[in-house]
């Protein structure tokens, strides 16, 4: 698995909220659908990775 990026405070809060919702659904049973929450978490992680890549590209551009 790729290294997780540094998350902003808002991203951390959203991740915690979605993970808590997944845990609550997990209590309801093994066969409860959680794919929607997994997609939301993946979207947040992908957005954070994109943000870090853009920041790194900007730093390289300004460093030259």
PDB file of N, CA and C in Angstrom:
ATOM      1  N   UNK A   1       0.843  -1.179   0.000  1.00  0.00           N
ATOM      2  CA  UNK A   1       0.000   0.000   0.000  1.00  0.00           C
ATOM      3  C   UNK A   1       0.884   1.237   0.000  1.00  0.00           C
ATOM      4  N   UNK A   2       0.444   2.241  -0.710  1.00  0.00           N
ATOM      5  CA  UNK A   2       1.193   3.482  -0.798  1.00  0.00           C
ATOM      6  C   UNK A   2       1.168   4.218   0.538  1.00  0.00           C
ATOM      7  N   UNK A   3       2.181   5.042   0.716  1.00  0.00           N
ATOM      8  CA  UNK A   3       2.266   5.825   1.938  1.00  0.00           C
ATOM      9  C   UNK A   3       1.116   6.823   1.993  1.00  0.00           C
ATOM     10  N   UNK A   4       0.454   6.893   3.137  1.00  0.00           N
ATOM     11  CA  UNK A   4      -0.647   7.840   3.291  1.00  0.00           C
ATOM     12  C   UNK A   4      -0.106   9.257   3.403  1.00  0.00           C
ATOM     13  N   UNK A   5      -0.779  10.203   2.775  1.00  0.00           N
ATOM     14  CA  UNK A   5      -0.335  11.598   2.840  1.00  0.00           C
ATOM     15  C   UNK A   5      -0.684  12.214   4.189  1.00  0.00           C
ATOM     16  N   UNK A   6      -0.149  13.402   4.423  1.00  0.00           N
ATOM     17  CA  UNK A   6      -0.548  14.153   5.611  1.00  0.00           C
ATOM     18  C   UNK A   6      -1.921  14.743   5.334  1.00  0.00           C
ATOM     19  N   UNK A   7      -2.805  14.604   6.305  1.00  0.00           N
ATOM     20  CA  UNK A   7      -4.166  15.066   6.138  1.00  0.00           C
ATOM     21  C   UNK A   7      -4.362  16.407   6.828  1.00  0.00           C
ATOM     22  N   UNK A   8      -5.260  17.215   6.270  1.00  0.00           N
ATOM     23  CA  UNK A   8      -5.636  18.457   6.915  1.00  0.00           C
ATOM     24  C   UNK A   8      -6.571  18.127   8.077  1.00  0.00           C
ATOM     25  N   UNK A   9      -6.864  19.116   8.892  1.00  0.00           N
ATOM     26  CA  UNK A   9      -7.756  18.889  10.033  1.00  0.00           C
ATOM     27  C   UNK A   9      -9.148  18.472   9.548  1.00  0.00           C
ATOM     28  N   UNK A  10      -9.615  19.086   8.488  1.00  0.00           N
ATOM     29  CA  UNK A  10     -10.929  18.745   7.948  1.00  0.00           C
ATOM     30  C   UNK A  10     -10.976  17.325   7.405  1.00  0.00           C
ATOM     31  N   UNK A  11      -9.918  16.929   6.712  1.00  0.00           N
ATOM     32  CA  UNK A  11      -9.857  15.566   6.188  1.00  0.00           C
ATOM     33  C   UNK A  11      -9.809  14.546   7.317  1.00  0.00           C
ATOM     34  N   UNK A  12      -9.055  14.847   8.355  1.00  0.00           N
ATOM     35  CA  UNK A  12      -8.970  13.943   9.503  1.00  0.00           C
ATOM     36  C   UNK A  12     -10.327  13.791  10.172  1.00  0.00           C
ATOM     37  N   UNK A  13     -11.040  14.886  10.298  1.00  0.00           N
ATOM     38  CA  UNK A  13     -12.369  14.850  10.907  1.00  0.00           C
ATOM     39  C   UNK A  13     -13.327  14.012  10.075  1.00  0.00           C
ATOM     40  N   UNK A  14     -13.318  14.220   8.767  1.00  0.00           N
ATOM     41  CA  UNK A  14     -14.197  13.440   7.893  1.00  0.00           C
ATOM     42  C   UNK A  14     -13.856  11.957   7.941  1.00  0.00           C
ATOM     43  N   UNK A  15     -12.550  11.646   7.918  1.00  0.00           N
ATOM     44  CA  UNK A  15     -12.143  10.241   7.992  1.00  0.00           C
ATOM     45  C   UNK A  15     -12.625   9.603   9.290  1.00  0.00           C
ATOM     46  N   UNK A  16     -12.463  10.314  10.390  1.00  0.00           N
ATOM     47  CA  UNK A  16     -12.903   9.784  11.685  1.00  0.00           C
ATOM     48  C   UNK A  16     -14.414   9.558  11.689  1.00  0.00           C
ATOM     49  N   UNK A  17     -15.162  10.485  11.105  1.00  0.00           N
ATOM     50  CA  UNK A  17     -16.622  10.362  11.051  1.00  0.00           C
ATOM     51  C   UNK A  17     -17.035   9.139  10.239  1.00  0.00           C
ATOM     52  N   UNK A  18     -16.428   8.971   9.074  1.00  0.00           N
ATOM     53  CA  UNK A  18     -16.785   7.835   8.233  1.00  0.00           C
ATOM     54  C   UNK A  18     -16.374   6.507   8.854  1.00  0.00           C
ATOM     55  N   UNK A  19     -15.233   6.481   9.511  1.00  0.00           N
ATOM     56  CA  UNK A  19     -14.797   5.250  10.181  1.00  0.00           C
ATOM     57  C   UNK A  19     -15.733   4.914  11.334  1.00  0.00           C
ATOM     58  N   UNK A  20     -16.178   5.926  12.055  1.00  0.00           N
ATOM     59  CA  UNK A  20     -17.141   5.684  13.140  1.00  0.00           C
ATOM     60  C   UNK A  20     -18.457   5.147  12.583  1.00  0.00           C
ATOM     61  N   UNK A  21     -18.891   5.681  11.455  1.00  0.00           N
ATOM     62  CA  UNK A  21     -20.125   5.180  10.832  1.00  0.00           C
ATOM     63  C   UNK A  21     -19.953   3.741  10.366  1.00  0.00           C
ATOM     64  N   UNK A  22     -18.763   3.423   9.851  1.00  0.00           N
ATOM     65  CA  UNK A  22     -18.498   2.049   9.433  1.00  0.00           C
ATOM     66  C   UNK A  22     -18.527   1.112  10.637  1.00  0.00           C
ATOM     67  N   UNK A  23     -17.978   1.559  11.760  1.00  0.00           N
ATOM     68  CA  UNK A  23     -17.989   0.739  12.972  1.00  0.00           C
ATOM     69  C   UNK A  23     -19.421   0.515  13.444  1.00  0.00           C
ATOM     70  N   UNK A  24     -20.226   1.546  13.373  1.00  0.00           N
ATOM     71  CA  UNK A  24     -21.629   1.425  13.786  1.00  0.00           C
ATOM     72  C   UNK A  24     -22.364   0.425  12.891  1.00  0.00           C
ATOM     73  N   UNK A  25     -22.107   0.499  11.598  1.00  0.00           N
ATOM     74  CA  UNK A  25     -22.718  -0.460  10.685  1.00  0.00           C
ATOM     75  C   UNK A  25     -22.182  -1.867  10.930  1.00  0.00           C
ATOM     76  N   UNK A  26     -20.922  -1.960  11.310  1.00  0.00           N
ATOM     77  CA  UNK A  26     -20.327  -3.260  11.606  1.00  0.00           C
ATOM     78  C   UNK A  26     -20.990  -3.930  12.793  1.00  0.00           C
ATOM     79  N   UNK A  27     -21.431  -3.134  13.746  1.00  0.00           N
ATOM     80  CA  UNK A  27     -22.145  -3.674  14.903  1.00  0.00           C
ATOM     81  C   UNK A  27     -23.478  -4.270  14.465  1.00  0.00           C
ATOM     82  N   UNK A  28     -24.074  -3.669  13.430  1.00  0.00           N
ATOM     83  CA  UNK A  28     -25.372  -4.138  12.946  1.00  0.00           C
ATOM     84  C   UNK A  28     -25.275  -5.531  12.336  1.00  0.00           C
ATOM     85  N   UNK A  29     -24.130  -5.892  11.812  1.00  0.00           N
ATOM     86  CA  UNK A  29     -23.964  -7.223  11.246  1.00  0.00           C
ATOM     87  C   UNK A  29     -22.878  -7.259  10.198  1.00  0.00           C
ATOM     88  N   UNK A  30     -22.469  -8.471   9.853  1.00  0.00           N
ATOM     89  CA  UNK A  30     -21.392  -8.653   8.886  1.00  0.00           C
ATOM     90  C   UNK A  30     -21.826  -8.332   7.465  1.00  0.00           C
ATOM     91  N   UNK A  31     -23.088  -8.516   7.166  1.00  0.00           N
ATOM     92  CA  UNK A  31     -23.563  -8.393   5.797  1.00  0.00           C
ATOM     93  C   UNK A  31     -24.112  -7.016   5.461  1.00  0.00           C
ATOM     94  N   UNK A  32     -23.828  -6.021   6.276  1.00  0.00           N
ATOM     95  CA  UNK A  32     -24.300  -4.664   6.027  1.00  0.00           C
ATOM     96  C   UNK A  32     -23.365  -4.010   5.008  1.00  0.00           C
ATOM     97  N   UNK A  33     -23.957  -3.356   4.020  1.00  0.00           N
ATOM     98  CA  UNK A  33     -23.194  -2.726   2.948  1.00  0.00           C
ATOM     99  C   UNK A  33     -22.445  -1.500   3.458  1.00  0.00           C
ATOM    100  N   UNK A  34     -21.129  -1.467   3.203  1.00  0.00           N
ATOM    101  CA  UNK A  34     -20.311  -0.330   3.618  1.00  0.00           C
ATOM    102  C   UNK A  34     -19.528   0.269   2.451  1.00  0.00           C
ATOM    103  N   UNK A  35     -19.831  -0.174   1.260  1.00  0.00           N
ATOM    104  CA  UNK A  35     -19.099   0.287   0.084  1.00  0.00           C
ATOM    105  C   UNK A  35     -19.177   1.779  -0.140  1.00  0.00           C
ATOM    106  N   UNK A  36     -20.322   2.380   0.189  1.00  0.00           N
ATOM    107  CA  UNK A  36     -20.452   3.826   0.004  1.00  0.00           C
ATOM    108  C   UNK A  36     -19.489   4.588   0.893  1.00  0.00           C
ATOM    109  N   UNK A  37     -19.333   4.141   2.127  1.00  0.00           N
ATOM    110  CA  UNK A  37     -18.404   4.822   3.037  1.00  0.00           C
ATOM    111  C   UNK A  37     -16.952   4.564   2.632  1.00  0.00           C
ATOM    112  N   UNK A  38     -16.670   3.351   2.148  1.00  0.00           N
ATOM    113  CA  UNK A  38     -15.320   3.047   1.685  1.00  0.00           C
ATOM    114  C   UNK A  38     -14.941   3.939   0.509  1.00  0.00           C
ATOM    115  N   UNK A  39     -15.873   4.188  -0.392  1.00  0.00           N
ATOM    116  CA  UNK A  39     -15.607   5.066  -1.537  1.00  0.00           C
ATOM    117  C   UNK A  39     -15.331   6.491  -1.078  1.00  0.00           C
ATOM    118  N   UNK A  40     -16.081   6.958  -0.077  1.00  0.00           N
ATOM    119  CA  UNK A  40     -15.871   8.310   0.442  1.00  0.00           C
ATOM    120  C   UNK A  40     -14.491   8.439   1.081  1.00  0.00           C
ATOM    121  N   UNK A  41     -14.081   7.422   1.817  1.00  0.00           N
ATOM    122  CA  UNK A  41     -12.755   7.434   2.443  1.00  0.00           C
ATOM    123  C   UNK A  41     -11.670   7.422   1.371  1.00  0.00           C
ATOM    124  N   UNK A  42     -11.827   6.572   0.366  1.00  0.00           N
ATOM    125  CA  UNK A  42     -10.859   6.527  -0.730  1.00  0.00           C
ATOM    126  C   UNK A  42     -10.759   7.869  -1.444  1.00  0.00           C
ATOM    127  N   UNK A  43     -11.897   8.530  -1.634  1.00  0.00           N
ATOM    128  CA  UNK A  43     -11.915   9.832  -2.299  1.00  0.00           C
ATOM    129  C   UNK A  43     -11.147  10.876  -1.489  1.00  0.00           C
ATOM    130  N   UNK A  44     -11.291  10.849  -0.178  1.00  0.00           N
ATOM    131  CA  UNK A  44     -10.570  11.801   0.680  1.00  0.00           C
ATOM    132  C   UNK A  44      -9.067  11.542   0.603  1.00  0.00           C
ATOM    133  N   UNK A  45      -8.676  10.274   0.664  1.00  0.00           N
ATOM    134  CA  UNK A  45      -7.254   9.919   0.604  1.00  0.00           C
ATOM    135  C   UNK A  45      -6.667  10.310  -0.750  1.00  0.00           C
ATOM    136  N   UNK A  46      -7.393  10.035  -1.824  1.00  0.00           N
ATOM    137  CA  UNK A  46      -6.912  10.414  -3.159  1.00  0.00           C
ATOM    138  C   UNK A  46      -6.773  11.927  -3.296  1.00  0.00           C
ATOM    139  N   UNK A  47      -7.718  12.669  -2.740  1.00  0.00           N
ATOM    140  CA  UNK A  47      -7.638  14.128  -2.784  1.00  0.00           C
ATOM    141  C   UNK A  47      -6.438  14.656  -2.024  1.00  0.00           C
ATOM    142  N   UNK A  48      -6.131  14.049  -0.898  1.00  0.00           N
ATOM    143  CA  UNK A  48      -4.968  14.466  -0.109  1.00  0.00           C
ATOM    144  C   UNK A  48      -3.674  14.155  -0.863  1.00  0.00           C
ATOM    145  N   UNK A  49      -3.627  13.008  -1.529  1.00  0.00           N
ATOM    146  CA  UNK A  49      -2.441  12.670  -2.324  1.00  0.00           C
ATOM    147  C   UNK A  49      -2.260  13.671  -3.466  1.00  0.00           C
ATOM    148  N   UNK A  50      -3.355  14.004  -4.146  1.00  0.00           N
ATOM    149  CA  UNK A  50      -3.277  14.983  -5.234  1.00  0.00           C
ATOM    150  C   UNK A  50      -2.794  16.332  -4.717  1.00  0.00           C
ATOM    151  N   UNK A  51      -3.292  16.743  -3.562  1.00  0.00           N
ATOM    152  CA  UNK A  51      -2.887  18.025  -2.979  1.00  0.00           C
ATOM    153  C   UNK A  51      -1.392  18.021  -2.681  1.00  0.00           C
ATOM    154  N   UNK A  52      -0.880  16.915  -2.133  1.00  0.00           N
ATOM    155  CA  UNK A  52       0.550  16.839  -1.830  1.00  0.00           C
ATOM    156  C   UNK A  52       1.393  16.844  -3.100  1.00  0.00           C
ATOM    157  N   UNK A  53       0.921  16.152  -4.142  1.00  0.00           N
ATOM    158  CA  UNK A  53       1.658  16.145  -5.409  1.00  0.00           C
ATOM    159  C   UNK A  53       1.711  17.537  -6.011  1.00  0.00           C
ATOM    160  N   UNK A  54       0.605  18.266  -5.950  1.00  0.00           N
ATOM    161  CA  UNK A  54       0.580  19.632  -6.478  1.00  0.00           C
ATOM    162  C   UNK A  54       1.496  20.536  -5.678  1.00  0.00           C
ATOM    163  N   UNK A  55       1.523  20.367  -4.369  1.00  0.00           N
ATOM    164  CA  UNK A  55       2.399  21.183  -3.524  1.00  0.00           C
ATOM    165  C   UNK A  55       3.866  20.870  -3.819  1.00  0.00           C
ATOM    166  N   UNK A  56       4.178  19.599  -4.040  1.00  0.00           N
ATOM    167  CA  UNK A  56       5.554  19.213  -4.348  1.00  0.00           C
ATOM    168  C   UNK A  56       5.968  19.761  -5.716  1.00  0.00           C
ATOM    169  N   UNK A  57       5.063  19.698  -6.683  1.00  0.00           N
ATOM    170  CA  UNK A  57       5.368  20.232  -8.014  1.00  0.00           C
ATOM    171  C   UNK A  57       5.585  21.740  -7.950  1.00  0.00           C
ATOM    172  N   UNK A  58       4.774  22.429  -7.163  1.00  0.00           N
ATOM    173  CA  UNK A  58       4.933  23.877  -7.014  1.00  0.00           C
ATOM    174  C   UNK A  58       6.254  24.201  -6.328  1.00  0.00           C
ATOM    175  N   UNK A  59       6.640  23.406  -5.347  1.00  0.00           N
ATOM    176  CA  UNK A  59       7.906  23.633  -4.647  1.00  0.00           C
ATOM    177  C   UNK A  59       9.084  23.404  -5.584  1.00  0.00           C
ATOM    178  N   UNK A  60       9.001  22.383  -6.422  1.00  0.00           N
ATOM    179  CA  UNK A  60      10.075  22.135  -7.403  1.00  0.00           C
ATOM    180  C   UNK A  60      10.163  23.275  -8.403  1.00  0.00           C
ATOM    181  N   UNK A  61       9.006  23.773  -8.832  1.00  0.00           N
ATOM    182  CA  UNK A  61       8.984  24.852  -9.813  1.00  0.00           C
ATOM    183  C   UNK A  61       9.576  26.130  -9.216  1.00  0.00           C
ATOM    184  N   UNK A  62       9.228  26.424  -7.991  1.00  0.00           N
ATOM    185  CA  UNK A  62       9.726  27.629  -7.337  1.00  0.00           C
ATOM    186  C   UNK A  62      11.166  27.487  -6.894  1.00  0.00           C
ATOM    187  N   UNK A  63      11.620  26.262  -6.709  1.00  0.00           N
ATOM    188  CA  UNK A  63      12.991  26.030  -6.268  1.00  0.00           C
ATOM    189  C   UNK A  63      14.016  26.156  -7.371  1.00  0.00           C
ATOM    190  N   UNK A  64      13.600  26.131  -8.621  1.00  0.00           N
ATOM    191  CA  UNK A  64      14.550  26.208  -9.740  1.00  0.00           C
ATOM    192  C   UNK A  64      15.032  27.591  -9.987  1.00  0.00           C
TER     193      UNK A  64
END
